[in-house]
Amino acid sequence: MFTIYVILIIFVAFLLVTVIMVQNPQGGGLSASFGGSGQQMGGVKKTSDFLDKSTWTLATVLLVLILLSNMSLMTGGTSTKSDLFDDNDAIPTQTMPAPTDADIDETLKTDN
């Protein structure tokens, strides 16, 4: 499932970059490239509105896809933990006996 989200995220990000690159901050953008000189006609305004709405829609879709991909990782669709730490028998453990009062007294005598 995570792979599907990654593919969709890449596709939506590509579309978002494309839509942003088509826009022009001064308002010319796509319409100025195809012969709409400086006049604000109905088609020019509609193209600008469409690109603006497309940008916001794609940005929202991208954010939702990123959150969903993160949720799919947290639910554990695939194991992300290493199996190295799951095997407790592979590492031998040693236990040391707790020191007794006699051991402590002997240590104190040797230090003086």
PDB file of N, CA and C in Angstrom:
ATOM      1  N   MET A   1       0.825  -1.195   0.000  1.00  0.00           N
ATOM      2  CA  MET A   1       0.000   0.000   0.000  1.00  0.00           C
ATOM      3  C   MET A   1       0.873   1.265   0.000  1.00  0.00           C
ATOM      4  N   PHE A   2       1.979   1.191   0.738  1.00  0.00           N
ATOM      5  CA  PHE A   2       2.884   2.343   0.810  1.00  0.00           C
ATOM      6  C   PHE A   2       3.454   2.677  -0.570  1.00  0.00           C
ATOM      7  N   THR A   3       3.738   1.648  -1.359  1.00  0.00           N
ATOM      8  CA  THR A   3       4.288   1.868  -2.698  1.00  0.00           C
ATOM      9  C   THR A   3       3.293   2.622  -3.579  1.00  0.00           C
ATOM     10  N   ILE A   4       2.028   2.291  -3.450  1.00  0.00           N
ATOM     11  CA  ILE A   4       0.997   2.994  -4.225  1.00  0.00           C
ATOM     12  C   ILE A   4       0.956   4.472  -3.830  1.00  0.00           C
ATOM     13  N   TYR A   5       1.044   4.732  -2.525  1.00  0.00           N
ATOM     14  CA  TYR A   5       1.046   6.119  -2.067  1.00  0.00           C
ATOM     15  C   TYR A   5       2.259   6.876  -2.598  1.00  0.00           C
ATOM     16  N   VAL A   6       3.414   6.243  -2.610  1.00  0.00           N
ATOM     17  CA  VAL A   6       4.621   6.914  -3.102  1.00  0.00           C
ATOM     18  C   VAL A   6       4.483   7.246  -4.583  1.00  0.00           C
ATOM     19  N   ILE A   7       3.948   6.314  -5.361  1.00  0.00           N
ATOM     20  CA  ILE A   7       3.753   6.563  -6.797  1.00  0.00           C
ATOM     21  C   ILE A   7       2.774   7.716  -7.009  1.00  0.00           C
ATOM     22  N   LEU A   8       1.682   7.725  -6.241  1.00  0.00           N
ATOM     23  CA  LEU A   8       0.710   8.821  -6.358  1.00  0.00           C
ATOM     24  C   LEU A   8       1.309  10.157  -5.918  1.00  0.00           C
ATOM     25  N   ILE A   9       2.128  10.143  -4.878  1.00  0.00           N
ATOM     26  CA  ILE A   9       2.766  11.372  -4.399  1.00  0.00           C
ATOM     27  C   ILE A   9       3.690  11.938  -5.473  1.00  0.00           C
ATOM     28  N   ILE A  10       4.456  11.077  -6.118  1.00  0.00           N
ATOM     29  CA  ILE A  10       5.362  11.534  -7.176  1.00  0.00           C
ATOM     30  C   ILE A  10       4.577  12.101  -8.352  1.00  0.00           C
ATOM     31  N   PHE A  11       3.484  11.434  -8.725  1.00  0.00           N
ATOM     32  CA  PHE A  11       2.662  11.900  -9.845  1.00  0.00           C
ATOM     33  C   PHE A  11       2.023  13.256  -9.532  1.00  0.00           C
ATOM     34  N   VAL A  12       1.434  13.398  -8.343  1.00  0.00           N
ATOM     35  CA  VAL A  12       0.782  14.655  -7.968  1.00  0.00           C
ATOM     36  C   VAL A  12       1.821  15.767  -7.829  1.00  0.00           C
ATOM     37  N   ALA A  13       2.992  15.453  -7.303  1.00  0.00           N
ATOM     38  CA  ALA A  13       4.041  16.473  -7.188  1.00  0.00           C
ATOM     39  C   ALA A  13       4.484  16.956  -8.565  1.00  0.00           C
ATOM     40  N   PHE A  14       4.590  16.041  -9.522  1.00  0.00           N
ATOM     41  CA  PHE A  14       4.942  16.435 -10.886  1.00  0.00           C
ATOM     42  C   PHE A  14       3.870  17.343 -11.481  1.00  0.00           C
ATOM     43  N   LEU A  15       2.597  16.985 -11.290  1.00  0.00           N
ATOM     44  CA  LEU A  15       1.511  17.834 -11.791  1.00  0.00           C
ATOM     45  C   LEU A  15       1.521  19.207 -11.124  1.00  0.00           C
ATOM     46  N   LEU A  16       1.789  19.237  -9.832  1.00  0.00           N
ATOM     47  CA  LEU A  16       1.815  20.505  -9.107  1.00  0.00           C
ATOM     48  C   LEU A  16       2.937  21.401  -9.612  1.00  0.00           C
ATOM     49  N   VAL A  17       4.113  20.839  -9.831  1.00  0.00           N
ATOM     50  CA  VAL A  17       5.225  21.624 -10.373  1.00  0.00           C
ATOM     51  C   VAL A  17       4.874  22.143 -11.756  1.00  0.00           C
ATOM     52  N   THR A  18       4.233  21.304 -12.569  1.00  0.00           N
ATOM     53  CA  THR A  18       3.852  21.722 -13.919  1.00  0.00           C
ATOM     54  C   THR A  18       2.863  22.884 -13.884  1.00  0.00           C
ATOM     55  N   VAL A  19       1.860  22.785 -13.034  1.00  0.00           N
ATOM     56  CA  VAL A  19       0.850  23.850 -12.942  1.00  0.00           C
ATOM     57  C   VAL A  19       1.484  25.140 -12.427  1.00  0.00           C
ATOM     58  N   ILE A  20       2.382  25.033 -11.473  1.00  0.00           N
ATOM     59  CA  ILE A  20       3.031  26.233 -10.937  1.00  0.00           C
ATOM     60  C   ILE A  20       3.932  26.885 -11.984  1.00  0.00           C
ATOM     61  N   MET A  21       4.619  26.071 -12.777  1.00  0.00           N
ATOM     62  CA  MET A  21       5.505  26.631 -13.798  1.00  0.00           C
ATOM     63  C   MET A  21       4.727  27.301 -14.928  1.00  0.00           C
ATOM     64  N   VAL A  22       3.510  26.875 -15.182  1.00  0.00           N
ATOM     65  CA  VAL A  22       2.695  27.478 -16.239  1.00  0.00           C
ATOM     66  C   VAL A  22       2.207  28.860 -15.806  1.00  0.00           C
ATOM     67  N   GLN A  23       2.003  29.043 -14.513  1.00  0.00           N
ATOM     68  CA  GLN A  23       1.501  30.326 -14.028  1.00  0.00           C
ATOM     69  C   GLN A  23       2.568  31.397 -14.135  1.00  0.00           C
ATOM     70  N   ASN A  24       2.104  32.634 -14.232  1.00  0.00           N
ATOM     71  CA  ASN A  24       2.993  33.787 -14.265  1.00  0.00           C
ATOM     72  C   ASN A  24       2.580  34.712 -13.130  1.00  0.00           C
ATOM     73  N   PRO A  25       3.496  35.149 -12.289  1.00  0.00           N
ATOM     74  CA  PRO A  25       3.100  35.977 -11.151  1.00  0.00           C
ATOM     75  C   PRO A  25       2.483  37.317 -11.531  1.00  0.00           C
ATOM     76  N   GLN A  26       2.762  37.822 -12.729  1.00  0.00           N
ATOM     77  CA  GLN A  26       2.186  39.100 -13.141  1.00  0.00           C
ATOM     78  C   GLN A  26       0.810  38.931 -13.776  1.00  0.00           C
ATOM     79  N   GLY A  27       0.327  37.727 -13.896  1.00  0.00           N
ATOM     80  CA  GLY A  27      -1.002  37.514 -14.437  1.00  0.00           C
ATOM     81  C   GLY A  27      -1.015  37.120 -15.890  1.00  0.00           C
ATOM     82  N   GLY A  28       0.116  37.124 -16.583  1.00  0.00           N
ATOM     83  CA  GLY A  28       0.140  36.737 -17.993  1.00  0.00           C
ATOM     84  C   GLY A  28      -0.015  35.233 -18.133  1.00  0.00           C
ATOM     85  N   GLY A  29       0.939  34.503 -17.663  1.00  0.00           N
ATOM     86  CA  GLY A  29       0.900  33.052 -17.607  1.00  0.00           C
ATOM     87  C   GLY A  29       0.614  32.382 -18.925  1.00  0.00           C
ATOM     88  N   LEU A  30      -0.212  31.372 -18.881  1.00  0.00           N
ATOM     89  CA  LEU A  30      -0.541  30.558 -20.048  1.00  0.00           C
ATOM     90  C   LEU A  30      -1.282  31.370 -21.101  1.00  0.00           C
ATOM     91  N   SER A  31      -2.153  32.251 -20.675  1.00  0.00           N
ATOM     92  CA  SER A  31      -2.950  33.008 -21.635  1.00  0.00           C
ATOM     93  C   SER A  31      -2.087  33.983 -22.433  1.00  0.00           C
ATOM     94  N   ALA A  32      -1.055  34.562 -21.822  1.00  0.00           N
ATOM     95  CA  ALA A  32      -0.185  35.497 -22.542  1.00  0.00           C
ATOM     96  C   ALA A  32       0.669  34.764 -23.565  1.00  0.00           C
ATOM     97  N   SER A  33       0.966  33.508 -23.308  1.00  0.00           N
ATOM     98  CA  SER A  33       1.781  32.727 -24.242  1.00  0.00           C
ATOM     99  C   SER A  33       1.030  32.419 -25.528  1.00  0.00           C
ATOM    100  N   PHE A  34      -0.288  32.385 -25.460  1.00  0.00           N
ATOM    101  CA  PHE A  34      -1.091  32.012 -26.626  1.00  0.00           C
ATOM    102  C   PHE A  34      -1.840  33.202 -27.220  1.00  0.00           C
ATOM    103  N   GLY A  35      -1.262  34.379 -27.142  1.00  0.00           N
ATOM    104  CA  GLY A  35      -1.819  35.510 -27.864  1.00  0.00           C
ATOM    105  C   GLY A  35      -2.668  36.447 -27.054  1.00  0.00           C
ATOM    106  N   GLY A  36      -2.939  36.193 -25.801  1.00  0.00           N
ATOM    107  CA  GLY A  36      -3.702  37.133 -24.995  1.00  0.00           C
ATOM    108  C   GLY A  36      -2.782  38.206 -24.478  1.00  0.00           C
ATOM    109  N   SER A  37      -2.655  39.329 -25.206  1.00  0.00           N
ATOM    110  CA  SER A  37      -1.660  40.348 -24.842  1.00  0.00           C
ATOM    111  C   SER A  37      -1.970  40.951 -23.485  1.00  0.00           C
ATOM    112  N   GLY A  38      -2.252  42.117 -23.279  1.00  0.00           N
ATOM    113  CA  GLY A  38      -2.446  42.669 -21.949  1.00  0.00           C
ATOM    114  C   GLY A  38      -3.893  42.800 -21.552  1.00  0.00           C
ATOM    115  N   GLN A  39      -4.813  42.410 -22.387  1.00  0.00           N
ATOM    116  CA  GLN A  39      -6.222  42.630 -22.112  1.00  0.00           C
ATOM    117  C   GLN A  39      -6.776  41.492 -21.246  1.00  0.00           C
ATOM    118  N   GLN A  40      -7.609  41.880 -20.294  1.00  0.00           N
ATOM    119  CA  GLN A  40      -8.245  40.895 -19.433  1.00  0.00           C
ATOM    120  C   GLN A  40      -9.593  40.509 -20.032  1.00  0.00           C
ATOM    121  N   MET A  41      -9.584  39.527 -20.861  1.00  0.00           N
ATOM    122  CA  MET A  41     -10.831  39.044 -21.446  1.00  0.00           C
ATOM    123  C   MET A  41     -11.367  37.913 -20.571  1.00  0.00           C
ATOM    124  N   GLY A  42     -12.524  37.413 -20.893  1.00  0.00           N
ATOM    125  CA  GLY A  42     -13.136  36.355 -20.098  1.00  0.00           C
ATOM    126  C   GLY A  42     -12.318  35.086 -20.059  1.00  0.00           C
ATOM    127  N   GLY A  43     -11.732  34.694 -21.178  1.00  0.00           N
ATOM    128  CA  GLY A  43     -10.949  33.470 -21.221  1.00  0.00           C
ATOM    129  C   GLY A  43      -9.676  33.554 -20.403  1.00  0.00           C
ATOM    130  N   VAL A  44      -9.078  34.737 -20.368  1.00  0.00           N
ATOM    131  CA  VAL A  44      -7.847  34.921 -19.614  1.00  0.00           C
ATOM    132  C   VAL A  44      -8.119  34.774 -18.130  1.00  0.00           C
ATOM    133  N   LYS A  45      -9.184  35.378 -17.670  1.00  0.00           N
ATOM    134  CA  LYS A  45      -9.523  35.320 -16.254  1.00  0.00           C
ATOM    135  C   LYS A  45      -9.885  33.894 -15.859  1.00  0.00           C
ATOM    136  N   LYS A  46     -10.606  33.201 -16.733  1.00  0.00           N
ATOM    137  CA  LYS A  46     -10.988  31.826 -16.422  1.00  0.00           C
ATOM    138  C   LYS A  46      -9.770  30.913 -16.372  1.00  0.00           C
ATOM    139  N   THR A  47      -8.798  31.136 -17.250  1.00  0.00           N
ATOM    140  CA  THR A  47      -7.572  30.338 -17.232  1.00  0.00           C
ATOM    141  C   THR A  47      -6.806  30.579 -15.947  1.00  0.00           C
ATOM    142  N   SER A  48      -6.725  31.822 -15.532  1.00  0.00           N
ATOM    143  CA  SER A  48      -6.026  32.160 -14.296  1.00  0.00           C
ATOM    144  C   SER A  48      -6.724  31.533 -13.092  1.00  0.00           C
ATOM    145  N   ASP A  49      -8.057  31.602 -13.058  1.00  0.00           N
ATOM    146  CA  ASP A  49      -8.813  30.986 -11.967  1.00  0.00           C
ATOM    147  C   ASP A  49      -8.628  29.471 -11.955  1.00  0.00           C
ATOM    148  N   PHE A  50      -8.648  28.852 -13.132  1.00  0.00           N
ATOM    149  CA  PHE A  50      -8.469  27.404 -13.215  1.00  0.00           C
ATOM    150  C   PHE A  50      -7.099  26.992 -12.693  1.00  0.00           C
ATOM    151  N   LEU A  51      -6.057  27.716 -13.079  1.00  0.00           N
ATOM    152  CA  LEU A  51      -4.710  27.379 -12.618  1.00  0.00           C
ATOM    153  C   LEU A  51      -4.572  27.597 -11.114  1.00  0.00           C
ATOM    154  N   ASP A  52      -5.206  28.636 -10.612  1.00  0.00           N
ATOM    155  CA  ASP A  52      -5.154  28.902  -9.173  1.00  0.00           C
ATOM    156  C   ASP A  52      -5.861  27.798  -8.387  1.00  0.00           C
ATOM    157  N   LYS A  53      -7.040  27.406  -8.846  1.00  0.00           N
ATOM    158  CA  LYS A  53      -7.773  26.325  -8.173  1.00  0.00           C
ATOM    159  C   LYS A  53      -7.046  24.994  -8.307  1.00  0.00           C
ATOM    160  N   SER A  54      -6.421  24.772  -9.446  1.00  0.00           N
ATOM    161  CA  SER A  54      -5.662  23.539  -9.648  1.00  0.00           C
ATOM    162  C   SER A  54      -4.482  23.463  -8.693  1.00  0.00           C
ATOM    163  N   THR A  55      -3.822  24.592  -8.487  1.00  0.00           N
ATOM    164  CA  THR A  55      -2.682  24.615  -7.571  1.00  0.00           C
ATOM    165  C   THR A  55      -3.107  24.250  -6.159  1.00  0.00           C
ATOM    166  N   TRP A  56      -4.173  24.881  -5.694  1.00  0.00           N
ATOM    167  CA  TRP A  56      -4.637  24.598  -4.334  1.00  0.00           C
ATOM    168  C   TRP A  56      -5.156  23.169  -4.195  1.00  0.00           C
ATOM    169  N   THR A  57      -5.851  22.676  -5.208  1.00  0.00           N
ATOM    170  CA  THR A  57      -6.373  21.309  -5.159  1.00  0.00           C
ATOM    171  C   THR A  57      -5.229  20.293  -5.143  1.00  0.00           C
ATOM    172  N   LEU A  58      -4.255  20.467  -6.016  1.00  0.00           N
ATOM    173  CA  LEU A  58      -3.131  19.529  -6.056  1.00  0.00           C
ATOM    174  C   LEU A  58      -2.296  19.597  -4.778  1.00  0.00           C
ATOM    175  N   ALA A  59      -2.129  20.780  -4.223  1.00  0.00           N
ATOM    176  CA  ALA A  59      -1.384  20.902  -2.971  1.00  0.00           C
ATOM    177  C   ALA A  59      -2.111  20.190  -1.833  1.00  0.00           C
ATOM    178  N   THR A  60      -3.438  20.308  -1.795  1.00  0.00           N
ATOM    179  CA  THR A  60      -4.221  19.625  -0.773  1.00  0.00           C
ATOM    180  C   THR A  60      -4.158  18.115  -0.949  1.00  0.00           C
ATOM    181  N   VAL A  61      -4.280  17.654  -2.181  1.00  0.00           N
ATOM    182  CA  VAL A  61      -4.200  16.216  -2.461  1.00  0.00           C
ATOM    183  C   VAL A  61      -2.818  15.685  -2.075  1.00  0.00           C
ATOM    184  N   LEU A  62      -1.779  16.440  -2.371  1.00  0.00           N
ATOM    185  CA  LEU A  62      -0.428  16.017  -2.018  1.00  0.00           C
ATOM    186  C   LEU A  62      -0.272  15.900  -0.504  1.00  0.00           C
ATOM    187  N   LEU A  63      -0.784  16.861   0.239  1.00  0.00           N
ATOM    188  CA  LEU A  63      -0.713  16.817   1.698  1.00  0.00           C
ATOM    189  C   LEU A  63      -1.457  15.612   2.249  1.00  0.00           C
ATOM    190  N   VAL A  64      -2.650  15.335   1.730  1.00  0.00           N
ATOM    191  CA  VAL A  64      -3.438  14.183   2.194  1.00  0.00           C
ATOM    192  C   VAL A  64      -2.720  12.872   1.880  1.00  0.00           C
ATOM    193  N   LEU A  65      -2.135  12.772   0.690  1.00  0.00           N
ATOM    194  CA  LEU A  65      -1.410  11.552   0.331  1.00  0.00           C
ATOM    195  C   LEU A  65      -0.197  11.334   1.234  1.00  0.00           C
ATOM    196  N   ILE A  66       0.487  12.398   1.581  1.00  0.00           N
ATOM    197  CA  ILE A  66       1.638  12.273   2.474  1.00  0.00           C
ATOM    198  C   ILE A  66       1.197  11.803   3.850  1.00  0.00           C
ATOM    199  N   LEU A  67       0.101  12.358   4.361  1.00  0.00           N
ATOM    200  CA  LEU A  67      -0.401  11.925   5.661  1.00  0.00           C
ATOM    201  C   LEU A  67      -0.878  10.473   5.623  1.00  0.00           C
ATOM    202  N   LEU A  68      -1.542  10.077   4.540  1.00  0.00           N
ATOM    203  CA  LEU A  68      -1.992   8.690   4.423  1.00  0.00           C
ATOM    204  C   LEU A  68      -0.820   7.726   4.326  1.00  0.00           C
ATOM    205  N   SER A  69       0.226   8.115   3.625  1.00  0.00           N
ATOM    206  CA  SER A  69       1.390   7.231   3.537  1.00  0.00           C
ATOM    207  C   SER A  69       2.056   7.078   4.897  1.00  0.00           C
ATOM    208  N   ASN A  70       2.083   8.143   5.667  1.00  0.00           N
ATOM    209  CA  ASN A  70       2.633   8.059   7.010  1.00  0.00           C
ATOM    210  C   ASN A  70       1.775   7.165   7.894  1.00  0.00           C
ATOM    211  N   MET A  71       0.468   7.259   7.762  1.00  0.00           N
ATOM    212  CA  MET A  71      -0.441   6.409   8.540  1.00  0.00           C
ATOM    213  C   MET A  71      -0.271   4.943   8.157  1.00  0.00           C
ATOM    214  N   SER A  72      -0.034   4.664   6.879  1.00  0.00           N
ATOM    215  CA  SER A  72       0.136   3.278   6.458  1.00  0.00           C
ATOM    216  C   SER A  72       1.424   2.691   7.023  1.00  0.00           C
ATOM    217  N   LEU A  73       2.443   3.515   7.216  1.00  0.00           N
ATOM    218  CA  LEU A  73       3.668   3.028   7.854  1.00  0.00           C
ATOM    219  C   LEU A  73       3.449   2.754   9.332  1.00  0.00           C
ATOM    220  N   MET A  74       2.648   3.585   9.981  1.00  0.00           N
ATOM    221  CA  MET A  74       2.419   3.422  11.410  1.00  0.00           C
ATOM    222  C   MET A  74       1.540   2.216  11.715  1.00  0.00           C
ATOM    223  N   THR A  75       0.636   1.841  10.821  1.00  0.00           N
ATOM    224  CA  THR A  75      -0.235   0.707  11.070  1.00  0.00           C
ATOM    225  C   THR A  75       0.486  -0.611  10.865  1.00  0.00           C
ATOM    226  N   GLY A  76       1.637  -0.585  10.213  1.00  0.00           N
ATOM    227  CA  GLY A  76       2.433  -1.796  10.080  1.00  0.00           C
ATOM    228  C   GLY A  76       2.005  -2.685   8.946  1.00  0.00           C
ATOM    229  N   GLY A  77       1.729  -2.118   7.795  1.00  0.00           N
ATOM    230  CA  GLY A  77       1.407  -2.931   6.632  1.00  0.00           C
ATOM    231  C   GLY A  77       2.562  -3.850   6.272  1.00  0.00           C
ATOM    232  N   THR A  78       3.779  -3.371   6.415  1.00  0.00           N
ATOM    233  CA  THR A  78       4.977  -4.181   6.222  1.00  0.00           C
ATOM    234  C   THR A  78       5.866  -3.978   7.427  1.00  0.00           C
ATOM    235  N   SER A  79       6.678  -4.946   7.703  1.00  0.00           N
ATOM    236  CA  SER A  79       7.554  -4.866   8.861  1.00  0.00           C
ATOM    237  C   SER A  79       8.703  -3.914   8.574  1.00  0.00           C
ATOM    238  N   THR A  80       8.856  -2.915   9.417  1.00  0.00           N
ATOM    239  CA  THR A  80       9.951  -1.979   9.255  1.00  0.00           C
ATOM    240  C   THR A  80      11.033  -2.208  10.289  1.00  0.00           C
ATOM    241  N   LYS A  81      10.779  -3.114  11.233  1.00  0.00           N
ATOM    242  CA  LYS A  81      11.759  -3.398  12.261  1.00  0.00           C
ATOM    243  C   LYS A  81      12.747  -4.437  11.766  1.00  0.00           C
ATOM    244  N   SER A  82      13.931  -4.365  12.276  1.00  0.00           N
ATOM    245  CA  SER A  82      14.960  -5.321  11.907  1.00  0.00           C
ATOM    246  C   SER A  82      14.754  -6.613  12.680  1.00  0.00           C
ATOM    247  N   ASP A  83      14.959  -7.738  12.028  1.00  0.00           N
ATOM    248  CA  ASP A  83      14.838  -9.031  12.695  1.00  0.00           C
ATOM    249  C   ASP A  83      16.044  -9.317  13.567  1.00  0.00           C
ATOM    250  N   LEU A  84      17.065  -8.520  13.482  1.00  0.00           N
ATOM    251  CA  LEU A  84      18.260  -8.717  14.275  1.00  0.00           C
ATOM    252  C   LEU A  84      17.956  -8.598  15.760  1.00  0.00           C
ATOM    253  N   PHE A  85      17.062  -7.711  16.123  1.00  0.00           N
ATOM    254  CA  PHE A  85      16.768  -7.475  17.525  1.00  0.00           C
ATOM    255  C   PHE A  85      15.670  -8.385  18.065  1.00  0.00           C
ATOM    256  N   ASP A  86      15.023  -9.140  17.224  1.00  0.00           N
ATOM    257  CA  ASP A  86      13.947 -10.014  17.666  1.00  0.00           C
ATOM    258  C   ASP A  86      14.460 -11.310  18.271  1.00  0.00           C
ATOM    259  N   ASP A  87      15.651 -11.768  17.916  1.00  0.00           N
ATOM    260  CA  ASP A  87      16.180 -13.046  18.362  1.00  0.00           C
ATOM    261  C   ASP A  87      16.954 -12.840  19.665  1.00  0.00           C
ATOM    262  N   ASN A  88      16.334 -13.171  20.802  1.00  0.00           N
ATOM    263  CA  ASN A  88      16.973 -12.976  22.098  1.00  0.00           C
ATOM    264  C   ASN A  88      17.956 -14.092  22.417  1.00  0.00           C
ATOM    265  N   ASP A  89      17.857 -15.247  21.773  1.00  0.00           N
ATOM    266  CA  ASP A  89      18.752 -16.359  22.061  1.00  0.00           C
ATOM    267  C   ASP A  89      20.112 -16.186  21.403  1.00  0.00           C
ATOM    268  N   ALA A  90      20.255 -15.283  20.470  1.00  0.00           N
ATOM    269  CA  ALA A  90      21.503 -15.118  19.740  1.00  0.00           C
ATOM    270  C   ALA A  90      22.577 -14.458  20.600  1.00  0.00           C
ATOM    271  N   ILE A  91      22.184 -13.673  21.588  1.00  0.00           N
ATOM    272  CA  ILE A  91      23.146 -12.962  22.426  1.00  0.00           C
ATOM    273  C   ILE A  91      23.196 -13.647  23.789  1.00  0.00           C
ATOM    274  N   PRO A  92      24.339 -14.252  24.144  1.00  0.00           N
ATOM    275  CA  PRO A  92      24.420 -14.891  25.467  1.00  0.00           C
ATOM    276  C   PRO A  92      24.468 -13.826  26.557  1.00  0.00           C
ATOM    277  N   THR A  93      23.829 -14.126  27.651  1.00  0.00           N
ATOM    278  CA  THR A  93      23.808 -13.183  28.762  1.00  0.00           C
ATOM    279  C   THR A  93      24.469 -13.826  29.968  1.00  0.00           C
ATOM    280  N   GLN A  94      25.181 -13.027  30.737  1.00  0.00           N
ATOM    281  CA  GLN A  94      25.805 -13.491  31.964  1.00  0.00           C
ATOM    282  C   GLN A  94      25.176 -12.737  33.116  1.00  0.00           C
ATOM    283  N   THR A  95      24.969 -13.468  34.189  1.00  0.00           N
ATOM    284  CA  THR A  95      24.451 -12.818  35.383  1.00  0.00           C
ATOM    285  C   THR A  95      25.536 -12.862  36.442  1.00  0.00           C
ATOM    286  N   MET A  96      25.712 -11.756  37.109  1.00  0.00           N
ATOM    287  CA  MET A  96      26.693 -11.686  38.185  1.00  0.00           C
ATOM    288  C   MET A  96      25.954 -11.787  39.509  1.00  0.00           C
ATOM    289  N   PRO A  97      26.532 -12.520  40.437  1.00  0.00           N
ATOM    290  CA  PRO A  97      25.870 -12.599  41.743  1.00  0.00           C
ATOM    291  C   PRO A  97      25.946 -11.254  42.461  1.00  0.00           C
ATOM    292  N   ALA A  98      24.942 -10.976  43.234  1.00  0.00           N
ATOM    293  CA  ALA A  98      24.911  -9.726  43.985  1.00  0.00           C
ATOM    294  C   ALA A  98      25.980  -9.774  45.072  1.00  0.00           C
ATOM    295  N   PRO A  99      26.647  -8.640  45.318  1.00  0.00           N
ATOM    296  CA  PRO A  99      27.682  -8.649  46.373  1.00  0.00           C
ATOM    297  C   PRO A  99      27.062  -8.824  47.755  1.00  0.00           C
ATOM    298  N   THR A 100      27.770  -9.564  48.575  1.00  0.00           N
ATOM    299  CA  THR A 100      27.313  -9.783  49.959  1.00  0.00           C
ATOM    300  C   THR A 100      28.038  -8.815  50.881  1.00  0.00           C
ATOM    301  N   ASP A 101      27.632  -8.779  52.127  1.00  0.00           N
ATOM    302  CA  ASP A 101      28.270  -7.890  53.103  1.00  0.00           C
ATOM    303  C   ASP A 101      29.735  -8.259  53.299  1.00  0.00           C
ATOM    304  N   ALA A 102      30.036  -9.556  53.206  1.00  0.00           N
ATOM    305  CA  ALA A 102      31.422  -9.988  53.377  1.00  0.00           C
ATOM    306  C   ALA A 102      32.283  -9.463  52.232  1.00  0.00           C
ATOM    307  N   ASP A 103      31.758  -9.461  51.019  1.00  0.00           N
ATOM    308  CA  ASP A 103      32.510  -8.934  49.878  1.00  0.00           C
ATOM    309  C   ASP A 103      32.769  -7.444  50.030  1.00  0.00           C
ATOM    310  N   ILE A 104      31.796  -6.726  50.539  1.00  0.00           N
ATOM    311  CA  ILE A 104      31.946  -5.280  50.721  1.00  0.00           C
ATOM    312  C   ILE A 104      32.983  -5.000  51.797  1.00  0.00           C
ATOM    313  N   ASP A 105      32.939  -5.736  52.926  1.00  0.00           N
ATOM    314  CA  ASP A 105      33.903  -5.550  53.992  1.00  0.00           C
ATOM    315  C   ASP A 105      35.318  -5.861  53.527  1.00  0.00           C
ATOM    316  N   GLU A 106      35.460  -6.940  52.735  1.00  0.00           N
ATOM    317  CA  GLU A 106      36.772  -7.311  52.222  1.00  0.00           C
ATOM    318  C   GLU A 106      37.322  -6.234  51.275  1.00  0.00           C
ATOM    319  N   THR A 107      36.456  -5.630  50.448  1.00  0.00           N
ATOM    320  CA  THR A 107      36.869  -4.573  49.531  1.00  0.00           C
ATOM    321  C   THR A 107      37.318  -3.348  50.285  1.00  0.00           C
ATOM    322  N   LEU A 108      36.594  -2.998  51.366  1.00  0.00           N
ATOM    323  CA  LEU A 108      36.959  -1.836  52.157  1.00  0.00           C
ATOM    324  C   LEU A 108      38.296  -2.035  52.872  1.00  0.00           C
ATOM    325  N   LYS A 109      38.585  -3.258  53.335  1.00  0.00           N
ATOM    326  CA  LYS A 109      39.846  -3.533  54.026  1.00  0.00           C
ATOM    327  C   LYS A 109      41.033  -3.452  53.064  1.00  0.00           C
ATOM    328  N   THR A 110      40.836  -3.911  51.837  1.00  0.00           N
ATOM    329  CA  THR A 110      41.946  -3.895  50.902  1.00  0.00           C
ATOM    330  C   THR A 110      42.232  -2.486  50.402  1.00  0.00           C
ATOM    331  N   ASP A 111      41.242  -1.605  50.383  1.00  0.00           N
ATOM    332  CA  ASP A 111      41.453  -0.234  49.907  1.00  0.00           C
ATOM    333  C   ASP A 111      42.235   0.596  50.911  1.00  0.00           C
ATOM    334  N   ASN A 112      42.162   0.266  52.216  1.00  0.00           N
ATOM    335  CA  ASN A 112      42.853   1.060  53.250  1.00  0.00           C
ATOM    336  C   ASN A 112      44.253   0.678  53.347  1.00  0.00           C
TER     337      ASN A 112
END
